[in-house]
Protein backbone atom coordinates (compact mmCIF):
# COMPACT_ATOMS: atom_id res chain seq x y z
CA MET A 1 0.00 0.00 0.00
CA SER A 2 1.38 3.43 -0.86
CA GLN A 3 0.50 7.06 -0.44
CA ARG A 4 1.61 10.10 -2.44
CA LEU A 5 3.72 12.62 -0.50
CA LEU A 6 5.51 15.64 -1.98
CA GLY A 7 5.37 14.20 -5.49
CA HIS A 8 6.65 10.74 -4.47
CA ASP A 9 5.01 7.47 -3.60
CA VAL A 10 6.36 6.20 -0.28
CA MET A 11 5.43 3.07 1.58
CA LEU A 12 2.82 3.32 4.30
CA ILE A 13 3.76 0.70 6.87
CA ARG A 14 1.47 -0.57 9.55
CA SER A 15 1.93 -3.09 12.33
CA GLY A 16 0.23 -3.75 15.66
CA TRP A 17 2.07 -1.12 17.74
CA PHE A 18 3.82 0.93 15.08
CA HIS A 19 2.15 3.24 12.57
CA VAL A 20 3.92 5.67 10.26
CA ASN A 21 1.59 8.04 8.43
CA THR A 22 3.16 11.23 7.10
CA GLN A 23 -0.21 12.81 6.34
CA ALA A 24 -1.72 12.34 9.80
CA SER A 25 -0.66 12.41 13.45
CA CYS A 26 2.18 9.94 13.99
CA GLN A 27 4.49 8.84 16.75
CA TYR A 28 7.67 9.89 14.98
CA ASP A 29 8.34 12.92 12.84
CA ALA A 30 8.44 11.93 9.19
CA ILE A 31 11.49 14.06 8.40
CA TYR A 32 13.48 12.66 11.32
CA PHE A 33 12.30 9.16 10.48
CA THR A 34 13.60 9.49 6.91
CA GLY A 35 16.90 10.88 8.19
CA LEU A 36 17.16 8.02 10.68
CA LEU A 37 16.96 5.48 7.89
CA GLN A 38 19.48 7.37 5.81
CA THR A 39 21.99 7.62 8.66
CA ARG A 40 21.81 3.85 9.09
CA GLY A 41 22.82 3.36 5.46
CA MET A 42 19.29 2.66 4.25
CA ARG A 43 17.34 4.42 1.54
CA MET A 44 13.69 5.38 1.73
CA LEU A 45 11.99 3.24 -0.84
CA GLN A 46 9.97 5.08 -3.44
CA VAL A 47 7.28 2.77 -4.63
CA GLN A 48 4.84 3.19 -7.48
CA THR A 49 1.26 2.43 -6.54
CA SER A 50 1.03 -0.38 -9.06
CA TYR A 51 4.21 -2.06 -7.85
CA LYS A 52 3.63 -5.18 -5.78
CA PHE A 53 5.95 -6.44 -3.06
CA SER A 54 6.07 -10.04 -2.04
CA PHE A 55 5.14 -10.95 1.54
CA SER A 56 8.74 -11.78 2.46
CA ALA A 57 10.05 -8.46 1.10
CA ASN A 58 7.44 -6.53 3.08
CA LEU A 59 8.23 -8.46 6.23
CA LEU A 60 11.98 -7.90 5.85
CA PHE A 61 11.50 -4.18 5.29
CA LEU A 62 9.24 -3.93 8.32
CA LEU A 63 11.73 -5.75 10.54
CA CYS A 64 14.49 -3.37 9.47
CA ILE A 65 12.38 -0.35 10.37
CA CYS A 66 11.38 -1.81 13.75
CA THR A 67 15.06 -2.42 14.53
CA GLN A 68 15.92 1.20 13.75
CA VAL A 69 13.07 2.48 15.93
CA GLN A 70 14.15 0.29 18.84
CA LEU A 71 17.70 1.63 18.52
CA TYR A 72 16.34 5.17 18.53
CA GLN A 73 14.21 4.54 21.61
CA SER A 74 17.13 3.00 23.51
CA HIS A 75 19.32 6.07 22.90
CA LYS A 76 16.97 8.88 23.87
CA HIS A 77 18.79 11.86 25.31
CA PRO A 78 17.54 13.33 28.62
CA VAL A 79 16.03 16.82 28.68
CA PRO A 80 17.62 18.64 31.66
CA THR A 81 15.38 20.46 34.10
CA TYR A 82 15.70 24.21 34.69
CA PHE A 83 18.00 23.57 37.69
CA HIS A 84 19.82 20.71 35.92
CA ARG A 85 18.83 18.31 38.67
CA ALA A 86 20.21 14.78 39.01
CA ASN A 87 18.48 11.59 40.14
CA PRO A 88 19.69 9.54 43.17
CA HIS A 89 22.13 7.70 40.87
CA GLY A 90 23.82 10.92 39.82
CA GLU A 91 22.35 10.83 36.31
CA ILE A 92 20.64 13.80 34.65
CA LEU A 93 16.98 13.96 35.67
CA SER A 94 14.99 14.36 32.47
CA MET A 95 11.87 16.51 32.22
CA THR A 96 10.34 13.74 30.11
CA SER A 97 10.64 11.26 32.97
CA PRO A 98 7.35 10.39 34.70
CA ASP A 99 9.21 10.62 38.02
CA TYR A 100 9.86 14.34 37.51
CA HIS A 101 6.35 15.77 37.27
CA LEU A 102 4.39 16.44 40.46
CA LYS A 103 0.86 15.08 40.29
CA ILE A 104 -0.83 18.08 41.90
CA LYS A 105 -4.60 17.74 41.61
CA SER A 106 -5.46 20.74 43.79
CA SER A 107 -3.64 23.56 45.58
CA ASN A 108 -4.21 26.46 47.94
CA ASP A 109 -2.06 29.49 47.15
CA SER A 110 -4.18 32.17 48.82
CA VAL A 111 -3.63 31.27 52.49
CA LEU A 112 -0.30 30.53 54.15
CA LEU A 113 -0.28 27.38 56.26
CA SER A 114 2.10 29.01 58.73
CA GLU A 115 2.51 32.61 59.86
CA THR A 116 5.96 32.02 61.36
CA ALA A 117 7.62 30.12 58.50
CA THR A 118 10.17 32.08 56.46
CA LEU A 119 11.64 31.55 53.03
CA LYS A 120 14.34 33.85 51.67
CA VAL A 121 16.39 34.06 48.49
CA GLN A 122 19.68 35.95 48.20
CA PRO A 123 20.72 38.02 46.37
CA GLU A 124 17.42 39.72 45.60
CA ILE A 125 18.60 41.53 42.46
CA LEU A 126 20.69 39.72 39.86
CA PHE A 127 23.02 41.84 37.76
CA SER A 128 24.29 39.06 35.54
CA LYS A 129 22.87 39.21 32.01
CA ASP A 130 22.78 35.45 31.66
CA LYS A 131 22.75 33.39 34.86
CA GLU A 132 23.67 33.56 38.51
CA ILE A 133 23.75 31.34 41.59
CA VAL A 134 21.27 32.15 44.35
CA SER A 135 20.89 30.81 47.88
CA VAL A 136 17.50 29.71 49.22
CA VAL A 137 16.96 29.36 52.99
CA TRP A 138 13.86 28.40 54.98
CA THR A 139 13.16 28.24 58.72
CA GLU A 140 10.33 27.58 61.20
CA ILE A 141 8.58 24.96 59.06
CA LYS A 142 6.39 22.89 61.37
CA ASP A 143 5.66 19.20 60.75
CA ALA A 144 7.80 19.09 57.63
CA SER A 145 7.14 16.10 55.39
CA LEU A 146 9.51 14.25 53.06
CA GLU A 147 7.09 15.05 50.21
CA ASP A 148 7.41 18.82 50.74
CA PHE A 149 9.06 20.79 47.96
CA VAL A 150 10.30 24.28 47.12
CA GLY A 151 9.09 25.43 43.71
CA PHE A 152 10.38 28.21 41.48
CA TYR A 153 7.80 30.43 39.75
CA CYS A 154 8.18 33.08 37.04
CA PRO A 155 6.11 35.23 37.13
CA PRO A 156 5.10 35.00 40.80
CA THR A 157 1.41 34.92 39.86
CA ASP A 158 1.68 31.42 38.38
CA VAL A 159 -0.26 28.65 40.10
CA ALA A 160 1.35 25.74 41.93
CA THR A 161 1.40 23.45 38.89
CA LYS A 162 3.24 25.99 36.71
CA TYR A 163 6.65 25.66 38.38
CA LEU A 164 9.76 26.15 36.26
CA ASP A 165 11.44 23.59 38.47
CA TYR A 166 11.36 22.42 42.07
CA ILE A 167 13.61 20.96 44.75
CA PRO A 168 12.25 18.23 47.08
CA VAL A 169 13.28 19.18 50.61
CA ILE A 170 14.41 15.61 51.27
CA GLU A 171 17.23 16.20 48.78
CA THR A 172 18.59 19.14 50.80
CA GLY A 173 19.67 17.12 53.83
CA PRO A 174 18.24 15.77 57.10
CA SER A 175 17.77 19.25 58.59
CA TYR A 176 14.43 19.55 56.78
CA LYS A 177 12.93 17.31 59.50
CA ALA A 178 13.68 20.06 62.04
CA GLY A 179 11.92 22.64 59.88
CA HIS A 180 14.88 24.38 58.28
CA GLY A 181 17.19 23.91 55.33
CA ASN A 182 18.88 25.54 52.37
CA PHE A 183 20.19 24.93 48.87
CA LYS A 184 21.88 26.79 46.04
CA VAL A 185 20.77 26.76 42.42
CA THR A 186 21.58 28.55 39.18
CA VAL A 187 18.81 30.74 37.80
CA TYR A 188 18.64 32.26 34.33
CA ASN A 189 17.42 35.68 33.29
CA MET A 190 13.66 35.31 32.83
CA ARG A 191 13.04 39.07 32.29
CA VAL A 192 10.26 39.03 34.92
CA PRO A 193 10.27 38.88 38.75
CA CYS A 194 10.30 35.36 40.20
CA GLU A 195 9.76 33.76 43.58
CA PHE A 196 10.33 30.53 45.48
CA ARG A 197 7.50 28.84 47.41
CA TYR A 198 7.53 26.16 50.06
CA TYR A 199 4.64 23.69 49.66
CA ARG A 200 3.26 20.97 51.90
CA TYR A 201 2.50 18.13 49.51
CA ASP A 202 0.72 14.80 49.95
CA LYS A 203 1.01 13.59 46.31
CA GLU A 204 -2.36 15.14 45.46
CA HIS A 205 -2.87 18.46 47.26
CA ALA A 206 -0.30 21.26 47.57
CA GLN A 207 -0.69 23.73 50.44
CA LEU A 208 1.37 26.91 50.42
CA VAL A 209 3.48 27.19 53.59
CA ALA A 210 5.87 30.05 52.83
CA ARG A 211 6.58 32.51 50.04
CA SER A 212 10.00 34.06 49.39
CA ASN A 213 10.91 37.64 48.64
CA LEU A 214 10.84 38.56 44.96
CA LEU A 215 13.86 37.73 42.84
CA ARG A 216 14.47 40.43 40.22
CA PHE A 217 16.75 40.75 37.22
CA HIS A 218 18.54 44.06 36.72
CA GLY A 219 17.32 45.79 33.58
CA GLY A 220 13.93 44.11 33.68
CA HIS A 221 12.22 42.84 30.56
CA SER A 222 13.86 45.46 28.29
CA LEU A 223 17.44 44.33 28.93
CA PRO A 224 19.06 43.50 25.55
CA LEU A 225 20.39 39.93 25.49
CA GLN A 226 21.81 37.38 23.03
CA GLY A 227 23.63 39.94 20.92
CA HIS A 228 25.26 38.77 17.70
CA ILE A 229 26.69 40.31 14.54
CA SER A 230 26.56 39.39 10.87
CA LEU A 231 27.70 40.70 7.50
CA THR A 232 25.50 42.48 4.98
CA GLY A 233 25.78 42.82 1.22
CA ASN A 234 27.80 46.01 1.76
CA PRO A 235 31.44 45.39 2.84
CA LYS A 236 31.33 48.65 4.80
CA GLU A 237 28.37 47.58 6.92
CA MET A 238 27.84 45.22 9.84
CA ARG A 239 24.47 44.12 11.23
CA VAL A 240 24.12 44.03 15.03
CA MET A 241 21.10 42.16 16.41
CA TRP A 242 19.79 41.41 19.89
CA LEU A 243 16.68 40.37 21.81
CA SER A 244 14.79 42.46 24.33
CA GLY A 245 11.38 42.49 25.94
CA SER A 246 10.47 45.81 24.38
CA GLY A 247 7.83 45.81 21.66
CA LYS A 248 9.31 48.93 20.07
CA VAL A 249 11.57 48.99 17.03
CA GLU A 250 15.04 49.75 18.35
CA ASN A 251 17.30 52.39 16.86
CA LEU A 252 19.71 51.15 14.22
CA ILE A 253 23.38 52.14 14.20
CA ARG A 254 25.02 52.24 10.79
CA VAL A 255 28.80 51.84 10.67
CA GLU A 256 30.16 53.54 7.58
CA SER A 257 33.80 52.56 7.99
CA PHE A 258 36.14 50.72 10.33
């Protein structure tokens, strides 16, 4: 069976668990899939609709594809979390891992569970244009649980489930049992104020215990970042480009000579 795609007839292969269909939703991107076959020394077969394959040829082709897919699945690269966390074995904790995501079904962010608990982040203003290490400290947490976590939120109005990343308090050391602890993490310029929050968590409900002071980035959302240069068609010109949070068209500087 074949289907026309971009002026070519390519095989449409189906099996019980595997389905490649370049015209509809599929498990693997068609472009990557084609490249995967090519990198393994195979060629994508272009088949005319009237051409008939024998059963053995179809089976052999299908087995080859399944082998390539299994190799691809066994070599998936992890997607680091915002804090570049590691699992208990010292390996990179991937955001695609089911163990990473908190299964928060409900949360209460409007009322603090404790009036005496404190959560602070230092420094409060970051002057680095790219990234900087901050220290997070909490105290006076009553009845701390090993499921508690400290989440990072940008902007601070985001709900409990919209964390950029989080640190389970159990990973910060045994002092969490006594209601205090600390850790250091690297944060990146998000252009908006951010905050840390301490949550009491029972694998379903998250209750806000403490909220940190705001973490701000010097220059705010308009700070120009990611600057780069390039040539133009004029040997006496150079194009300078950057990104900023401003919606305005920035002034252009023309260099006539060097």
